[in-house]
Amino acid sequence: MPGHHHGNIKDVTIIGFRAAKSMVELTCHILENATLLECLTLDAVYDNGIEEADRSCVNKSYKCSPLIGKRMIAQAHKGLWAIGRYVADKVPSTVKLNVKKLCERCHVME
């Protein structure tokens, strides 16, 4: 809705961020219209909320849990690229941007 400001939103988390135009547009809309936004967290992987900050391998088999497929890993890499290309430079200095990183062992492109 043009001209509509979301004045009460302070913290936004998007899990499963993709490089889709609609996802980038939604994120930019939030940045432009959530006037009290303090923190934006973007996570390119949908992994049921694993909380490890650096996403290092988390279980005894040294695999991220739950495991995700190669296609989802590729989409996550594209999502991270889109964040850097289209979103990061639009984040105001008053907003903290958190981008969850991929696991360096399990989420590599082969």
C-alpha atoms as a PDB file:
ATOM      1  CA  MET A   1       0.000   0.000   0.000  1.00  0.00           C
ATOM      2  CA  PRO A   2       1.759   3.183  -1.147  1.00  0.00           C
ATOM      3  CA  GLY A   3       2.180   5.785   1.555  1.00  0.00           C
ATOM      4  CA  HIS A   4       1.334   3.391   4.384  1.00  0.00           C
ATOM      5  CA  HIS A   5       3.954   3.351   7.130  1.00  0.00           C
ATOM      6  CA  HIS A   6       4.371   0.445   9.518  1.00  0.00           C
ATOM      7  CA  GLY A   7       5.341   2.472  12.570  1.00  0.00           C
ATOM      8  CA  ASN A   8       5.206  -0.306  15.164  1.00  0.00           C
ATOM      9  CA  ILE A   9       7.544  -2.826  13.519  1.00  0.00           C
ATOM     10  CA  LYS A  10      10.925  -2.941  15.266  1.00  0.00           C
ATOM     11  CA  ASP A  11      12.308  -6.378  14.437  1.00  0.00           C
ATOM     12  CA  VAL A  12      11.838  -8.389  11.229  1.00  0.00           C
ATOM     13  CA  THR A  13      13.135 -11.892  10.484  1.00  0.00           C
ATOM     14  CA  ILE A  14      12.744 -13.521   7.079  1.00  0.00           C
ATOM     15  CA  ILE A  15      13.574 -17.222   7.036  1.00  0.00           C
ATOM     16  CA  GLY A  16      14.074 -18.844   3.658  1.00  0.00           C
ATOM     17  CA  PHE A  17      15.006 -15.600   1.842  1.00  0.00           C
ATOM     18  CA  ARG A  18      15.136 -16.174  -1.931  1.00  0.00           C
ATOM     19  CA  ALA A  19      16.476 -14.200  -4.883  1.00  0.00           C
ATOM     20  CA  ALA A  20      12.927 -13.757  -6.197  1.00  0.00           C
ATOM     21  CA  LYS A  21      11.963 -10.232  -7.255  1.00  0.00           C
ATOM     22  CA  SER A  22       8.927 -10.302  -4.944  1.00  0.00           C
ATOM     23  CA  MET A  23      11.085 -11.220  -1.915  1.00  0.00           C
ATOM     24  CA  VAL A  24      13.544  -8.409  -2.639  1.00  0.00           C
ATOM     25  CA  GLU A  25      10.684  -5.946  -3.179  1.00  0.00           C
ATOM     26  CA  LEU A  26       8.999  -6.971   0.092  1.00  0.00           C
ATOM     27  CA  THR A  27      12.252  -6.521   2.007  1.00  0.00           C
ATOM     28  CA  CYS A  28      12.895  -3.112   0.445  1.00  0.00           C
ATOM     29  CA  HIS A  29       9.292  -2.084   1.208  1.00  0.00           C
ATOM     30  CA  ILE A  30       9.829  -3.000   4.854  1.00  0.00           C
ATOM     31  CA  LEU A  31      13.061  -1.002   4.968  1.00  0.00           C
ATOM     32  CA  GLU A  32      11.366   2.050   3.455  1.00  0.00           C
ATOM     33  CA  ASN A  33       8.149   1.964   5.484  1.00  0.00           C
ATOM     34  CA  ALA A  34       8.901   0.480   8.912  1.00  0.00           C
ATOM     35  CA  THR A  35       9.897   3.783  10.457  1.00  0.00           C
ATOM     36  CA  LEU A  36      10.938   2.343  13.838  1.00  0.00           C
ATOM     37  CA  LEU A  37      12.743  -0.716  12.470  1.00  0.00           C
ATOM     38  CA  GLU A  38      15.808  -1.562  14.563  1.00  0.00           C
ATOM     39  CA  CYS A  39      16.849  -4.996  13.292  1.00  0.00           C
ATOM     40  CA  LEU A  40      16.423  -6.939  10.048  1.00  0.00           C
ATOM     41  CA  THR A  41      17.497 -10.596  10.040  1.00  0.00           C
ATOM     42  CA  LEU A  42      17.676 -12.425   6.732  1.00  0.00           C
ATOM     43  CA  ASP A  43      18.227 -16.171   6.536  1.00  0.00           C
ATOM     44  CA  ALA A  44      18.559 -17.771   3.102  1.00  0.00           C
ATOM     45  CA  VAL A  45      18.096 -21.274   4.515  1.00  0.00           C
ATOM     46  CA  TYR A  46      14.871 -22.632   5.936  1.00  0.00           C
ATOM     47  CA  ASP A  47      16.221 -25.034   8.531  1.00  0.00           C
ATOM     48  CA  ASN A  48      13.514 -25.090  11.179  1.00  0.00           C
ATOM     49  CA  GLY A  49      15.197 -22.433  13.292  1.00  0.00           C
ATOM     50  CA  ILE A  50      18.673 -23.777  14.037  1.00  0.00           C
ATOM     51  CA  GLU A  51      20.075 -21.001  16.198  1.00  0.00           C
ATOM     52  CA  GLU A  52      23.830 -21.404  15.723  1.00  0.00           C
ATOM     53  CA  ALA A  53      25.169 -17.970  14.807  1.00  0.00           C
ATOM     54  CA  ASP A  54      27.784 -19.156  12.342  1.00  0.00           C
ATOM     55  CA  ARG A  55      25.954 -22.329  11.303  1.00  0.00           C
ATOM     56  CA  SER A  56      28.893 -24.574  11.962  1.00  0.00           C
ATOM     57  CA  CYS A  57      28.015 -28.240  11.896  1.00  0.00           C
ATOM     58  CA  VAL A  58      25.931 -29.016  14.923  1.00  0.00           C
ATOM     59  CA  ASN A  59      25.569 -32.723  15.556  1.00  0.00           C
ATOM     60  CA  LYS A  60      27.863 -35.699  16.131  1.00  0.00           C
ATOM     61  CA  SER A  61      27.909 -36.708  12.466  1.00  0.00           C
ATOM     62  CA  TYR A  62      29.179 -33.208  11.583  1.00  0.00           C
ATOM     63  CA  LYS A  63      26.193 -32.528   9.383  1.00  0.00           C
ATOM     64  CA  CYS A  64      23.802 -29.654   9.771  1.00  0.00           C
ATOM     65  CA  SER A  65      20.523 -30.825  11.129  1.00  0.00           C
ATOM     66  CA  PRO A  66      18.157 -31.042   9.374  1.00  0.00           C
ATOM     67  CA  LEU A  67      19.962 -31.688   6.124  1.00  0.00           C
ATOM     68  CA  ILE A  68      18.870 -29.745   3.085  1.00  0.00           C
ATOM     69  CA  GLY A  69      19.173 -30.765  -0.533  1.00  0.00           C
ATOM     70  CA  LYS A  70      21.576 -29.452  -3.168  1.00  0.00           C
ATOM     71  CA  ARG A  71      18.818 -27.467  -4.856  1.00  0.00           C
ATOM     72  CA  MET A  72      18.008 -25.651  -1.618  1.00  0.00           C
ATOM     73  CA  ILE A  73      21.707 -24.962  -1.053  1.00  0.00           C
ATOM     74  CA  ALA A  74      21.928 -23.414  -4.535  1.00  0.00           C
ATOM     75  CA  GLN A  75      18.842 -21.274  -3.809  1.00  0.00           C
ATOM     76  CA  ALA A  76      20.368 -20.160  -0.512  1.00  0.00           C
ATOM     77  CA  HIS A  77      23.547 -19.026  -2.271  1.00  0.00           C
ATOM     78  CA  LYS A  78      21.441 -17.052  -4.772  1.00  0.00           C
ATOM     79  CA  GLY A  79      19.503 -15.536  -1.869  1.00  0.00           C
ATOM     80  CA  LEU A  80      22.718 -14.372  -0.217  1.00  0.00           C
ATOM     81  CA  TRP A  81      23.834 -12.882  -3.523  1.00  0.00           C
ATOM     82  CA  ALA A  82      20.509 -10.993  -3.822  1.00  0.00           C
ATOM     83  CA  ILE A  83      20.882  -9.634  -0.289  1.00  0.00           C
ATOM     84  CA  GLY A  84      24.303  -8.243  -1.144  1.00  0.00           C
ATOM     85  CA  ARG A  85      23.230  -6.918  -4.539  1.00  0.00           C
ATOM     86  CA  TYR A  86      19.784  -5.442  -3.860  1.00  0.00           C
ATOM     87  CA  VAL A  87      19.139  -5.128  -0.115  1.00  0.00           C
ATOM     88  CA  ALA A  88      22.307  -4.360   1.849  1.00  0.00           C
ATOM     89  CA  ASP A  89      22.837  -0.882   0.402  1.00  0.00           C
ATOM     90  CA  LYS A  90      19.238   0.100   1.204  1.00  0.00           C
ATOM     91  CA  VAL A  91      19.544  -0.596   4.942  1.00  0.00           C
ATOM     92  CA  PRO A  92      19.497   2.683   6.892  1.00  0.00           C
ATOM     93  CA  SER A  93      22.325   3.305   9.361  1.00  0.00           C
ATOM     94  CA  THR A  94      19.792   3.076  12.204  1.00  0.00           C
ATOM     95  CA  VAL A  95      18.903  -0.539  11.316  1.00  0.00           C
ATOM     96  CA  LYS A  96      21.079  -3.498  12.224  1.00  0.00           C
ATOM     97  CA  LEU A  97      21.278  -6.003   9.371  1.00  0.00           C
ATOM     98  CA  ASN A  98      21.922  -9.622  10.364  1.00  0.00           C
ATOM     99  CA  VAL A  99      22.514 -12.057   7.517  1.00  0.00           C
ATOM    100  CA  LYS A 100      22.764 -15.647   8.704  1.00  0.00           C
ATOM    101  CA  LYS A 101      25.707 -17.350   7.054  1.00  0.00           C
ATOM    102  CA  LEU A 102      25.685 -20.814   5.560  1.00  0.00           C
ATOM    103  CA  CYS A 103      27.572 -23.702   7.135  1.00  0.00           C
ATOM    104  CA  GLU A 104      31.052 -23.822   5.605  1.00  0.00           C
ATOM    105  CA  ARG A 105      30.998 -27.641   5.660  1.00  0.00           C
ATOM    106  CA  CYS A 106      27.488 -28.619   4.688  1.00  0.00           C
ATOM    107  CA  HIS A 107      26.234 -25.759   2.527  1.00  0.00           C
ATOM    108  CA  VAL A 108      29.039 -25.573  -0.023  1.00  0.00           C
ATOM    109  CA  MET A 109      28.403 -25.585  -3.745  1.00  0.00           C
ATOM    110  CA  GLU A 110      29.910 -28.631  -5.436  1.00  0.00           C
END
